[in-house]
């Protein structure tokens, strides 16, 4: 790529040619490998001069047989050029790399996760402590020498504490203020989230988030299962829009394998993703209204969510966690009349969207409770790593369906709603409008639904039809060999992302050529968003903090993994 060659020349001129390796992988990913001493300066340069303004993820990979045991991997994105860059460095046990928290606020939790899961050290990090495992946990679960079934129970709870920044750190509470626990089991919390706060009357003086209550170590389970058997686990990430997780994961594996799925499978995935976007937004908008006292909107919107579940059930037999995709396409074709049922639902939900706009968006009480409340600026949203509706509500026009189009989104006629102030009200405006646009997309795709197969017919990737398994020896043997041998992508790595309901859902996949992923890192949208919560609600009213949680649409399964 021309831009990568220019970047290579610029970095070589500034830092010296002997420090870096510049690689374009077989799937087209651009990668820079550099020594650990250069990482902070390189990241700063890439942000300021190469316009890679987003830090999308930081993660580790363990190679225990190597002298420098760990890879530390940074995934960057440029909104100016809509392109990605991966920066990698190697660390030996006990070595540290400089923290990126002074460059991007969003590096905070990502680096803590790498420390927690692998023991990777980031010098200069203001608060390098566990984040997903509990305080009694011993070891680092994503290291290759940690057994996947080695569970460790926790029998105590940490007291209220504040550790967001060095000046806030510590368990000592100020006796002028009232400490309060909200969650992890509380009707105001959207999932197993614990918020610790100090209040002056009803004003939040400081807050701290404790997560990990729903951490199942999804990424460890992915390493111990064949590729297609990982799909049901992806359902449990954002379980409010499960098909989008299926699609994002399969798309990453397929791209690593150089597989292009049939046009009909692509169109079916678009329909499923947009249906999922609609019902995911109904959760956010409906529960957001509920947290402000609008119970009617909650029940009203869940009517349409149940209708989509019924459509899912007709398609695959499951409602919530569906596992409808396969590497290579779909699990099965749509039954007769299914697309007509989807179009009928589009008519119904279109009326419902207008009704909910009148119930909430145009409601004077809702407006006063959300307009101008806990706003996040465009600059802060980028610094934290916001993506999806929250980023667009802050005024950044970024949607992967347009900027890095896939599955024919570039050929569809739809609008990207963008807010101005980044407050709670704008977030709901964006989501409601996105529901309208999803209906537009679904209607267009079904109108031009391609004929043909719903999956590729490669015996090394896709299981044969049951009639072939039961009806001829070749089908039986192909089934047997694929089950025994497993799906085997080539040796390599890839980062691939889709525009999920909450934002960028990314999968960093490392293959060693075996039947299981060597490393599968999930970049969940609300992980980057939720880490900003303590800063966003500081100085606001407690009731506004609860409203902010709902507007962030934090899904614990995706957050903790």
Protein backbone atom coordinates (compact mmCIF):
# COMPACT_ATOMS: atom_id res chain seq x y z
CA UNK A 1 0.00 0.00 0.00
CA UNK A 2 1.30 3.42 -0.98
CA UNK A 3 0.39 5.04 2.32
CA UNK A 4 2.20 2.30 4.23
CA UNK A 5 5.33 2.82 2.12
CA UNK A 6 5.23 6.54 2.89
CA UNK A 7 4.80 5.80 6.59
CA UNK A 8 7.71 3.38 6.42
CA UNK A 9 9.96 6.07 4.95
CA UNK A 10 8.86 8.66 7.52
CA UNK A 11 9.45 6.38 10.50
CA UNK A 12 12.78 5.17 9.14
CA UNK A 13 13.95 8.74 8.68
CA UNK A 14 12.93 9.74 12.20
CA UNK A 15 13.88 6.66 14.22
CA UNK A 16 16.38 4.79 12.05
CA UNK A 17 15.87 1.89 9.66
CA UNK A 18 17.38 -0.77 11.90
CA UNK A 19 14.74 -0.43 14.64
CA UNK A 20 11.68 -1.54 12.71
CA UNK A 21 10.22 -4.30 10.64
CA UNK A 22 7.45 -3.31 8.26
CA UNK A 23 5.16 -6.15 7.25
CA UNK A 24 2.07 -6.40 5.11
CA UNK A 25 0.45 -9.73 5.94
CA UNK A 26 -1.08 -12.03 3.29
CA UNK A 27 -4.55 -10.71 4.23
CA UNK A 28 -3.44 -7.10 3.77
CA UNK A 29 -2.93 -5.97 7.38
CA UNK A 30 -0.12 -3.45 7.88
CA UNK A 31 2.15 -4.25 10.84
CA UNK A 32 5.08 -2.43 12.41
CA UNK A 33 7.35 -4.36 14.77
CA UNK A 34 9.63 -2.25 16.96
CA UNK A 35 11.70 -2.56 20.15
CA UNK A 36 9.95 -1.86 23.44
CA UNK A 37 12.02 1.25 24.10
CA UNK A 38 10.61 2.93 21.00
CA UNK A 39 6.93 2.09 21.51
CA UNK A 40 5.72 5.26 23.33
CA UNK A 41 7.51 7.57 20.91
CA UNK A 42 6.30 5.63 17.89
CA UNK A 43 2.69 5.65 19.12
CA UNK A 44 2.91 9.40 19.80
CA UNK A 45 4.29 9.99 16.31
CA UNK A 46 1.62 7.83 14.67
CA UNK A 47 -1.10 9.73 16.49
CA UNK A 48 0.20 13.24 15.82
CA UNK A 49 1.72 12.98 12.35
CA UNK A 50 0.23 9.87 10.73
CA UNK A 51 -3.34 10.63 11.91
CA UNK A 52 -3.91 7.33 13.70
CA UNK A 53 -6.09 9.08 16.24
CA UNK A 54 -7.80 5.98 17.64
CA UNK A 55 -6.26 3.37 19.91
CA UNK A 56 -8.74 0.55 19.36
CA UNK A 57 -7.12 -2.13 21.49
CA UNK A 58 -4.05 -3.25 23.40
CA UNK A 59 -3.53 -6.95 24.01
CA UNK A 60 -0.94 -9.63 24.68
CA UNK A 61 0.00 -12.95 23.10
CA UNK A 62 1.98 -15.62 24.95
CA UNK A 63 4.79 -17.62 23.33
CA UNK A 64 6.29 -19.50 26.31
CA UNK A 65 9.03 -21.21 24.27
CA UNK A 66 10.43 -17.89 23.07
CA UNK A 67 13.14 -15.91 24.88
CA UNK A 68 11.03 -12.79 24.65
CA UNK A 69 7.85 -14.48 25.76
CA UNK A 70 5.15 -11.89 25.08
CA UNK A 71 3.92 -9.93 22.12
CA UNK A 72 2.27 -6.64 23.07
CA UNK A 73 -0.05 -5.63 20.25
CA UNK A 74 -1.57 -2.18 19.61
CA UNK A 75 -4.42 -1.78 17.11
CA UNK A 76 -4.68 1.75 15.68
CA UNK A 77 -7.24 3.35 13.39
CA UNK A 78 -7.14 6.54 11.33
CA UNK A 79 -10.46 8.30 10.79
CA UNK A 80 -8.85 10.52 8.16
CA UNK A 81 -7.89 7.62 5.90
CA UNK A 82 -10.17 4.88 7.31
CA UNK A 83 -7.25 2.49 7.61
CA UNK A 84 -5.72 0.38 10.34
CA UNK A 85 -2.25 -0.25 11.62
CA UNK A 86 -0.90 -2.84 14.04
CA UNK A 87 2.14 -2.06 16.19
CA UNK A 88 3.88 -4.95 17.94
CA UNK A 89 6.74 -5.31 20.37
CA UNK A 90 8.27 -8.24 22.26
CA UNK A 91 8.86 -8.47 26.00
CA UNK A 92 10.67 -11.02 28.11
CA UNK A 93 9.26 -12.09 31.48
CA UNK A 94 9.58 -9.17 33.91
CA UNK A 95 10.31 -6.55 31.24
CA UNK A 96 8.09 -3.51 30.84
CA UNK A 97 6.97 -1.31 27.99
CA UNK A 98 6.04 2.34 28.44
CA UNK A 99 2.36 3.02 29.06
CA UNK A 100 0.26 4.67 26.36
CA UNK A 101 -2.09 6.28 28.91
CA UNK A 102 -0.45 9.68 28.41
CA UNK A 103 -1.23 9.41 24.68
CA UNK A 104 -4.75 7.97 24.82
CA UNK A 105 -6.99 7.86 27.88
CA UNK A 106 -8.47 4.65 26.56
CA UNK A 107 -5.19 2.78 27.04
CA UNK A 108 -5.96 2.56 30.78
CA UNK A 109 -8.24 -0.48 30.98
CA UNK A 110 -6.72 -2.19 27.94
CA UNK A 111 -3.27 -2.17 29.57
CA UNK A 112 -4.73 -3.31 32.89
CA UNK A 113 -6.37 -6.22 31.10
CA UNK A 114 -3.06 -7.26 29.50
CA UNK A 115 -1.43 -7.05 32.92
CA UNK A 116 -4.20 -9.10 34.53
CA UNK A 117 -4.40 -11.80 31.86
CA UNK A 118 -0.67 -12.14 31.07
CA UNK A 119 1.35 -10.28 33.69
CA UNK A 120 2.62 -7.81 31.08
CA UNK A 121 4.08 -4.68 32.73
CA UNK A 122 3.45 -1.12 31.53
CA UNK A 123 5.83 1.35 33.13
CA UNK A 124 4.26 4.69 33.95
CA UNK A 125 0.72 3.34 34.12
CA UNK A 126 -1.03 5.23 36.95
CA UNK A 127 -2.99 2.24 38.25
CA UNK A 128 -1.63 -1.10 37.03
CA UNK A 129 -3.74 -3.60 38.96
CA UNK A 130 -6.18 -6.42 38.25
CA UNK A 131 -9.36 -5.59 36.41
CA UNK A 132 -11.18 -8.77 35.28
CA UNK A 133 -10.02 -11.37 37.81
CA UNK A 134 -10.85 -10.96 41.48
CA UNK A 135 -8.44 -9.67 44.13
CA UNK A 136 -7.74 -13.20 45.49
CA UNK A 137 -6.90 -14.64 42.07
CA UNK A 138 -3.37 -16.03 41.70
CA UNK A 139 -1.70 -16.21 38.30
CA UNK A 140 -2.51 -14.98 34.82
CA UNK A 141 -5.21 -17.03 33.08
CA UNK A 142 -4.34 -16.38 29.44
CA UNK A 143 -0.81 -17.64 29.75
CA UNK A 144 -0.36 -20.93 27.95
CA UNK A 145 0.84 -22.67 31.11
CA UNK A 146 -2.34 -21.79 33.03
CA UNK A 147 -4.77 -24.69 32.86
CA UNK A 148 -8.14 -23.80 31.37
CA UNK A 149 -10.09 -25.60 34.10
CA UNK A 150 -8.14 -24.10 37.03
CA UNK A 151 -10.93 -22.12 38.66
CA UNK A 152 -10.39 -19.96 41.73
CA UNK A 153 -13.23 -18.93 44.01
CA UNK A 154 -13.48 -15.58 45.79
CA UNK A 155 -14.91 -15.44 49.30
CA UNK A 156 -14.61 -11.74 50.14
CA UNK A 157 -15.48 -8.36 48.72
CA UNK A 158 -13.23 -5.34 48.50
CA UNK A 159 -14.49 -2.32 50.45
CA UNK A 160 -15.40 0.85 48.63
CA UNK A 161 -12.24 2.21 47.07
CA UNK A 162 -11.20 4.72 44.41
CA UNK A 163 -8.27 4.08 42.11
CA UNK A 164 -9.02 5.92 38.88
CA UNK A 165 -6.11 8.35 39.18
CA UNK A 166 -3.09 8.66 41.51
CA UNK A 167 -4.65 11.50 43.49
CA UNK A 168 -7.83 9.46 44.03
CA UNK A 169 -6.19 6.16 44.86
CA UNK A 170 -6.77 4.47 48.17
CA UNK A 171 -9.40 2.95 50.38
CA UNK A 172 -9.57 5.94 52.74
CA UNK A 173 -12.90 7.70 52.50
CA UNK A 174 -13.50 11.38 53.11
CA UNK A 175 -15.81 11.71 56.13
CA UNK A 176 -17.39 14.83 54.62
CA UNK A 177 -19.06 12.65 51.99
CA UNK A 178 -21.37 9.62 51.95
CA UNK A 179 -19.96 6.43 50.40
CA UNK A 180 -22.43 4.34 48.42
CA UNK A 181 -22.39 1.02 46.59
CA UNK A 182 -24.50 0.67 43.45
CA UNK A 183 -24.46 -2.93 42.24
CA UNK A 184 -23.33 -5.49 41.31
CA UNK A 185 -26.86 -6.67 42.11
CA UNK A 186 -29.07 -3.61 41.91
CA UNK A 187 -32.06 -2.67 39.74
CA UNK A 188 -30.30 0.51 38.61
CA UNK A 189 -27.36 -1.43 37.18
CA UNK A 190 -27.53 -2.93 33.71
CA UNK A 191 -25.95 -6.25 34.54
CA UNK A 192 -23.35 -7.31 37.07
CA UNK A 193 -21.72 -3.91 37.42
CA UNK A 194 -20.48 -2.39 40.66
CA UNK A 195 -20.19 1.37 40.94
CA UNK A 196 -18.68 2.85 44.08
CA UNK A 197 -19.35 6.52 44.68
CA UNK A 198 -18.92 9.29 47.21
CA UNK A 199 -21.81 11.73 47.42
CA UNK A 200 -22.11 15.26 48.64
CA UNK A 201 -25.88 15.31 49.04
CA UNK A 202 -26.87 13.91 45.63
CA UNK A 203 -23.76 15.11 43.78
CA UNK A 204 -21.16 12.55 42.74
CA UNK A 205 -17.79 13.68 44.08
CA UNK A 206 -15.92 10.70 42.72
CA UNK A 207 -16.78 7.26 41.40
CA UNK A 208 -15.07 4.00 40.57
CA UNK A 209 -16.13 0.99 38.51
CA UNK A 210 -15.44 -2.61 39.47
CA UNK A 211 -16.01 -5.15 36.70
CA UNK A 212 -15.30 -8.83 36.14
CA UNK A 213 -18.31 -10.34 37.92
CA UNK A 214 -19.36 -12.01 34.65
CA UNK A 215 -15.86 -12.78 33.41
CA UNK A 216 -15.82 -16.32 31.97
CA UNK A 217 -12.46 -16.05 30.18
CA UNK A 218 -14.06 -16.42 26.76
CA UNK A 219 -10.68 -15.99 25.13
CA UNK A 220 -9.22 -18.95 27.04
CA UNK A 221 -12.18 -21.11 26.05
CA UNK A 222 -11.65 -20.13 22.41
CA UNK A 223 -8.10 -21.52 22.60
CA UNK A 224 -9.40 -24.93 23.75
CA UNK A 225 -12.17 -25.39 21.15
CA UNK A 226 -12.26 -25.87 17.36
CA UNK A 227 -13.10 -22.82 15.30
CA UNK A 228 -16.76 -23.56 14.65
CA UNK A 229 -17.32 -24.54 18.29
CA UNK A 230 -16.30 -21.02 19.31
CA UNK A 231 -19.43 -19.61 17.62
CA UNK A 232 -21.82 -20.47 20.51
CA UNK A 233 -19.45 -18.68 22.89
CA UNK A 234 -19.63 -15.51 20.79
CA UNK A 235 -23.41 -15.52 21.36
CA UNK A 236 -22.71 -14.88 25.03
CA UNK A 237 -20.73 -11.68 24.41
CA UNK A 238 -23.39 -9.09 23.63
CA UNK A 239 -26.38 -11.35 24.18
CA UNK A 240 -28.72 -8.48 23.31
CA UNK A 241 -27.65 -8.78 19.66
CA UNK A 242 -26.10 -12.24 19.45
CA UNK A 243 -26.07 -12.67 15.63
CA UNK A 244 -23.75 -9.66 15.27
CA UNK A 245 -21.13 -11.48 17.36
CA UNK A 246 -21.51 -14.62 15.23
CA UNK A 247 -21.03 -12.59 12.07
CA UNK A 248 -18.03 -10.62 13.36
CA UNK A 249 -16.17 -13.74 14.45
CA UNK A 250 -16.88 -15.76 11.31
CA UNK A 251 -15.94 -12.81 9.12
CA UNK A 252 -12.52 -12.64 10.78
CA UNK A 253 -11.87 -16.37 10.32
CA UNK A 254 -13.05 -16.27 6.72
CA UNK A 255 -10.81 -13.33 5.88
CA UNK A 256 -7.80 -15.10 7.40
CA UNK A 257 -8.61 -18.12 5.20
CA UNK A 258 -9.14 -16.01 2.09
CA UNK A 259 -12.74 -17.21 1.81
CA UNK A 260 -15.50 -15.15 0.22
CA UNK A 261 -18.93 -16.36 1.23
CA UNK A 262 -21.80 -16.50 -1.30
CA UNK A 263 -23.81 -13.36 -2.03
CA UNK A 264 -26.94 -14.87 -0.47
CA UNK A 265 -25.07 -15.59 2.77
CA UNK A 266 -23.75 -12.02 2.85
CA UNK A 267 -27.25 -10.62 2.37
CA UNK A 268 -28.69 -12.89 5.06
CA UNK A 269 -26.00 -11.74 7.48
CA UNK A 270 -26.86 -8.09 6.76
CA UNK A 271 -30.55 -8.75 7.49
CA UNK A 272 -29.67 -10.54 10.74
CA UNK A 273 -27.27 -7.77 11.81
CA UNK A 274 -29.79 -5.00 11.18
CA UNK A 275 -32.56 -6.88 12.98
CA UNK A 276 -30.10 -7.29 15.85
CA UNK A 277 -29.23 -3.59 15.78
CA UNK A 278 -32.91 -2.73 16.11
CA UNK A 279 -33.52 -4.98 19.11
CA UNK A 280 -30.26 -3.95 20.77
CA UNK A 281 -31.31 -0.30 20.52
CA UNK A 282 -34.72 -1.19 21.94
CA UNK A 283 -32.89 -2.46 25.03
CA UNK A 284 -30.92 0.77 25.39
CA UNK A 285 -33.80 3.13 24.65
CA UNK A 286 -36.38 1.11 26.62
CA UNK A 287 -34.27 0.58 29.73
CA UNK A 288 -33.05 4.16 29.48
CA UNK A 289 -36.62 5.31 29.74
CA UNK A 290 -37.25 2.83 32.54
CA UNK A 291 -34.36 4.27 34.57
CA UNK A 292 -36.00 7.66 34.29
CA UNK A 293 -39.41 6.34 35.35
CA UNK A 294 -40.96 5.71 31.92
CA UNK A 295 -42.16 2.14 32.40
CA UNK A 296 -44.55 2.20 29.41
CA UNK A 297 -41.76 2.65 26.88
CA UNK A 298 -39.92 -0.37 28.26
CA UNK A 299 -42.86 -2.73 27.79
CA UNK A 300 -43.77 -1.17 24.46
CA UNK A 301 -40.32 -1.69 22.95
CA UNK A 302 -39.96 -5.22 24.26
CA UNK A 303 -43.00 -6.16 22.18
CA UNK A 304 -40.90 -5.61 19.05
CA UNK A 305 -37.91 -7.38 20.53
CA UNK A 306 -40.06 -10.47 21.05
CA UNK A 307 -41.21 -10.29 17.44
CA UNK A 308 -37.58 -10.44 16.29
CA UNK A 309 -36.94 -13.39 18.61
CA UNK A 310 -39.83 -15.16 16.90
CA UNK A 311 -38.20 -14.49 13.52
CA UNK A 312 -34.92 -15.92 14.82
CA UNK A 313 -36.76 -18.95 16.13
CA UNK A 314 -38.34 -19.60 12.73
CA UNK A 315 -34.92 -19.36 11.12
CA UNK A 316 -32.85 -21.56 13.42
CA UNK A 317 -34.95 -22.80 16.37
CA UNK A 318 -33.30 -20.54 18.97
CA UNK A 319 -34.31 -17.12 20.22
CA UNK A 320 -31.62 -15.45 22.33
CA UNK A 321 -28.31 -17.21 21.63
CA UNK A 322 -28.69 -18.37 18.06
CA UNK A 323 -25.35 -19.55 16.55
CA UNK A 324 -26.79 -18.99 13.08
CA UNK A 325 -23.57 -18.43 11.13
CA UNK A 326 -20.85 -20.87 10.17
CA UNK A 327 -17.39 -20.27 8.82
CA UNK A 328 -18.21 -20.23 5.11
CA UNK A 329 -21.76 -18.89 5.28
CA UNK A 330 -24.93 -19.67 7.20
CA UNK A 331 -26.00 -22.75 9.14
CA UNK A 332 -29.04 -23.13 6.90
CA UNK A 333 -31.15 -21.24 4.40
CA UNK A 334 -34.18 -19.19 5.36
CA UNK A 335 -37.47 -21.15 5.35
CA UNK A 336 -40.24 -20.31 2.89
CA UNK A 337 -41.98 -17.06 3.74
CA UNK A 338 -39.36 -15.92 6.23
CA UNK A 339 -38.31 -12.81 4.35
CA UNK A 340 -41.95 -11.83 3.93
CA UNK A 341 -42.33 -12.09 7.71
CA UNK A 342 -39.30 -9.84 8.13
CA UNK A 343 -40.82 -7.22 5.84
CA UNK A 344 -44.07 -7.38 7.80
CA UNK A 345 -42.09 -6.80 10.98
CA UNK A 346 -40.41 -3.78 9.35
CA UNK A 347 -43.82 -2.22 8.79
CA UNK A 348 -44.81 -2.87 12.40
CA UNK A 349 -41.59 -1.62 13.96
CA UNK A 350 -41.63 1.52 11.80
CA UNK A 351 -44.89 2.49 13.46
CA UNK A 352 -43.41 1.53 16.84
CA UNK A 353 -40.38 3.77 16.34
CA UNK A 354 -42.60 6.76 15.71
CA UNK A 355 -44.64 5.94 18.80
CA UNK A 356 -41.56 5.67 20.98
CA UNK A 357 -40.33 9.00 19.63
CA UNK A 358 -43.53 10.57 20.89
CA UNK A 359 -43.38 8.71 24.22
CA UNK A 360 -39.75 9.54 24.97
CA UNK A 361 -37.79 11.71 22.56
CA UNK A 362 -40.52 14.34 22.43
CA UNK A 363 -41.43 14.05 26.10
CA UNK A 364 -40.72 17.20 28.12
CA UNK A 365 -39.63 15.27 31.22
CA UNK A 366 -37.32 13.01 29.20
CA UNK A 367 -35.77 16.01 27.46
CA UNK A 368 -35.07 17.81 30.75
CA UNK A 369 -33.56 14.68 32.28
CA UNK A 370 -31.23 13.99 29.32
CA UNK A 371 -30.52 17.18 27.37
CA UNK A 372 -27.17 18.70 28.33
CA UNK A 373 -26.56 15.92 30.89
CA UNK A 374 -23.12 14.25 31.16
CA UNK A 375 -22.02 15.35 27.70
CA UNK A 376 -18.81 13.98 26.16
CA UNK A 377 -16.91 16.12 23.66
CA UNK A 378 -15.68 14.87 20.31
CA UNK A 379 -12.07 15.03 21.49
CA UNK A 380 -12.74 13.09 24.70
CA UNK A 381 -14.78 10.47 22.85
CA UNK A 382 -11.86 9.76 20.53
CA UNK A 383 -9.34 9.78 23.39
CA UNK A 384 -11.38 7.20 25.31
CA UNK A 385 -11.88 5.00 22.24
CA UNK A 386 -15.64 5.51 21.85
CA UNK A 387 -17.17 3.92 18.78
CA UNK A 388 -20.72 3.37 17.54
CA UNK A 389 -23.75 5.48 18.56
CA UNK A 390 -21.92 7.21 21.44
CA UNK A 391 -19.09 8.37 19.18
CA UNK A 392 -21.53 9.58 16.55
CA UNK A 393 -23.60 11.34 19.23
CA UNK A 394 -20.44 13.30 20.10
CA UNK A 395 -20.21 14.53 16.51
CA UNK A 396 -17.81 12.04 14.87
CA UNK A 397 -19.17 10.61 11.63
CA UNK A 398 -17.61 7.15 11.77
CA UNK A 399 -19.50 3.99 10.87
CA UNK A 400 -17.61 0.93 9.59
CA UNK A 401 -20.50 0.06 7.31
CA UNK A 402 -19.50 3.14 5.32
CA UNK A 403 -15.85 3.83 6.12
CA UNK A 404 -14.70 0.20 5.76
CA UNK A 405 -17.65 -1.30 3.96
CA UNK A 406 -18.38 -5.02 3.93
CA UNK A 407 -21.17 -7.31 2.68
CA UNK A 408 -22.37 -4.73 0.17
CA UNK A 409 -23.22 -1.94 2.62
CA UNK A 410 -21.56 0.54 0.23
CA UNK A 411 -24.26 -0.22 -2.36
CA UNK A 412 -27.15 0.47 0.03
CA UNK A 413 -28.96 3.77 0.52
CA UNK A 414 -29.00 4.74 4.19
CA UNK A 415 -27.95 7.65 6.37
CA UNK A 416 -25.54 7.83 9.30
CA UNK A 417 -27.11 9.93 12.07
CA UNK A 418 -24.62 12.19 13.86
CA UNK A 419 -25.23 14.23 17.00
CA UNK A 420 -23.66 17.46 18.17
CA UNK A 421 -23.33 17.64 21.95
CA UNK A 422 -22.60 14.06 23.03
CA UNK A 423 -25.14 14.26 25.84
CA UNK A 424 -27.59 11.54 26.85
CA UNK A 425 -30.34 13.04 24.70
CA UNK A 426 -28.20 12.94 21.54
CA UNK A 427 -27.33 9.32 22.22
CA UNK A 428 -30.99 8.36 22.18
CA UNK A 429 -31.68 10.49 19.12
CA UNK A 430 -28.90 8.66 17.27
CA UNK A 431 -30.15 5.23 18.32
CA UNK A 432 -33.76 5.92 17.38
CA UNK A 433 -32.70 7.20 13.98
CA UNK A 434 -30.42 4.20 13.49
CA UNK A 435 -33.43 1.96 14.01
CA UNK A 436 -35.18 3.76 11.14
CA UNK A 437 -32.11 3.35 8.95
CA UNK A 438 -31.86 -0.35 9.78
CA UNK A 439 -35.42 -0.79 8.51
CA UNK A 440 -34.39 0.95 5.27
CA UNK A 441 -31.43 -1.38 4.89
CA UNK A 442 -33.44 -4.54 5.53
CA UNK A 443 -36.07 -3.60 2.95
CA UNK A 444 -33.44 -2.91 0.29
CA UNK A 445 -31.53 -6.14 0.94
CA UNK A 446 -34.63 -8.34 0.89
CA UNK A 447 -35.86 -6.65 -2.30
CA UNK A 448 -32.64 -7.67 -4.05
CA UNK A 449 -32.00 -10.92 -2.13
CA UNK A 450 -29.65 -13.02 -4.27
CA UNK A 451 -30.50 -16.57 -5.17
CA UNK A 452 -27.98 -19.35 -4.89
CA UNK A 453 -26.40 -21.21 -2.02
CA UNK A 454 -26.29 -20.05 1.59
CA UNK A 455 -22.77 -21.40 2.16
CA UNK A 456 -19.66 -22.34 0.26
CA UNK A 457 -19.23 -26.00 -0.62
CA UNK A 458 -15.64 -26.66 0.41
CA UNK A 459 -15.28 -30.04 2.09
CA UNK A 460 -12.33 -28.72 4.14
CA UNK A 461 -14.42 -25.91 5.63
CA UNK A 462 -18.14 -26.77 5.63
CA UNK A 463 -19.87 -29.94 6.74
CA UNK A 464 -21.87 -31.68 3.99
CA UNK A 465 -25.65 -31.77 4.00
CA UNK A 466 -27.26 -34.47 6.14
CA UNK A 467 -28.72 -36.17 3.06
CA UNK A 468 -25.17 -36.58 1.73
CA UNK A 469 -23.84 -37.80 5.08
CA UNK A 470 -26.57 -40.42 5.30
CA UNK A 471 -26.88 -41.10 1.59
CA UNK A 472 -23.37 -41.64 0.17
CA UNK A 473 -19.97 -42.71 1.40
CA UNK A 474 -18.18 -39.60 0.11
CA UNK A 475 -20.43 -37.30 2.16
CA UNK A 476 -19.95 -39.52 5.22
CA UNK A 477 -16.16 -39.45 4.86
CA UNK A 478 -16.05 -35.68 4.30
CA UNK A 479 -18.11 -35.20 7.45
CA UNK A 480 -15.89 -37.59 9.40
CA UNK A 481 -12.62 -35.99 8.25
CA UNK A 482 -13.73 -32.42 8.96
CA UNK A 483 -14.96 -33.32 12.44
CA UNK A 484 -11.76 -35.24 13.26
CA UNK A 485 -9.27 -32.91 11.60
CA UNK A 486 -11.10 -29.64 12.19
CA UNK A 487 -11.08 -26.37 10.35
CA UNK A 488 -7.48 -25.24 9.87
CA UNK A 489 -6.77 -21.67 8.78
CA UNK A 490 -3.22 -20.96 7.59
CA UNK A 491 -0.57 -19.77 10.00
CA UNK A 492 -0.94 -16.03 10.45
CA UNK A 493 -2.85 -13.31 12.20
CA UNK A 494 -5.60 -10.85 11.46
CA UNK A 495 -7.62 -8.04 13.02
CA UNK A 496 -11.08 -7.66 11.61
CA UNK A 497 -13.98 -5.53 12.82
CA UNK A 498 -17.68 -4.97 12.18
CA UNK A 499 -20.07 -2.19 13.16
CA UNK A 500 -21.98 -3.85 15.98
CA UNK A 501 -24.88 -2.19 17.80
CA UNK A 502 -22.59 -0.62 20.43
CA UNK A 503 -19.71 0.19 18.10
CA UNK A 504 -16.61 -1.52 16.76
CA UNK A 505 -16.58 -5.23 17.55
CA UNK A 506 -13.09 -6.43 16.70
CA UNK A 507 -11.49 -9.87 16.66
CA UNK A 508 -7.70 -10.27 16.70
CA UNK A 509 -7.05 -13.85 15.63
CA UNK A 510 -3.69 -15.63 15.69
CA UNK A 511 -3.53 -19.02 13.95
CA UNK A 512 -0.74 -21.56 14.35
CA UNK A 513 -2.25 -23.85 11.72
CA UNK A 514 -3.97 -26.11 14.25
CA UNK A 515 -7.69 -26.81 14.65
CA UNK A 516 -8.05 -24.29 17.53
CA UNK A 517 -7.27 -20.56 17.58
CA UNK A 518 -3.86 -19.93 19.12
CA UNK A 519 -5.10 -16.56 20.35
CA UNK A 520 -8.47 -14.87 19.97
CA UNK A 521 -8.76 -11.37 21.40
CA UNK A 522 -12.13 -9.62 21.42
CA UNK A 523 -12.30 -5.85 21.24
CA UNK A 524 -15.72 -5.23 22.85
CA UNK A 525 -17.23 -1.78 22.13
CA UNK A 526 -18.49 -0.98 25.62
CA UNK A 527 -15.17 -1.84 27.33
CA UNK A 528 -13.59 1.37 26.03
CA UNK A 529 -16.78 3.33 26.65
CA UNK A 530 -17.44 2.22 30.21
CA UNK A 531 -13.94 3.04 31.44
CA UNK A 532 -14.82 6.71 30.98
CA UNK A 533 -17.85 6.47 33.28
CA UNK A 534 -16.14 7.70 36.47
CA UNK A 535 -14.84 10.81 34.73
CA UNK A 536 -18.07 11.50 32.82
CA UNK A 537 -20.33 11.44 35.90
CA UNK A 538 -18.00 13.31 38.25
CA UNK A 539 -19.82 16.40 39.51
CA UNK A 540 -23.21 15.25 38.23
CA UNK A 541 -26.27 14.19 40.20
CA UNK A 542 -26.62 10.54 41.23
CA UNK A 543 -29.79 10.21 39.14
CA UNK A 544 -27.87 11.52 36.13
CA UNK A 545 -25.17 8.90 36.69
CA UNK A 546 -27.83 6.17 36.51
CA UNK A 547 -29.16 7.69 33.30
CA UNK A 548 -25.61 7.72 31.90
CA UNK A 549 -25.17 3.98 32.53
CA UNK A 550 -28.31 3.28 30.48
CA UNK A 551 -27.18 5.58 27.66
CA UNK A 552 -23.83 3.78 27.47
CA UNK A 553 -25.68 0.48 26.98
CA UNK A 554 -23.06 -1.50 28.90
CA UNK A 555 -23.59 -5.23 28.36
CA UNK A 556 -21.77 -7.24 31.04
CA UNK A 557 -21.23 -10.31 28.85
CA UNK A 558 -19.40 -8.21 26.28
CA UNK A 559 -17.63 -6.06 28.87
CA UNK A 560 -16.20 -8.91 30.97
CA UNK A 561 -16.11 -11.70 28.38
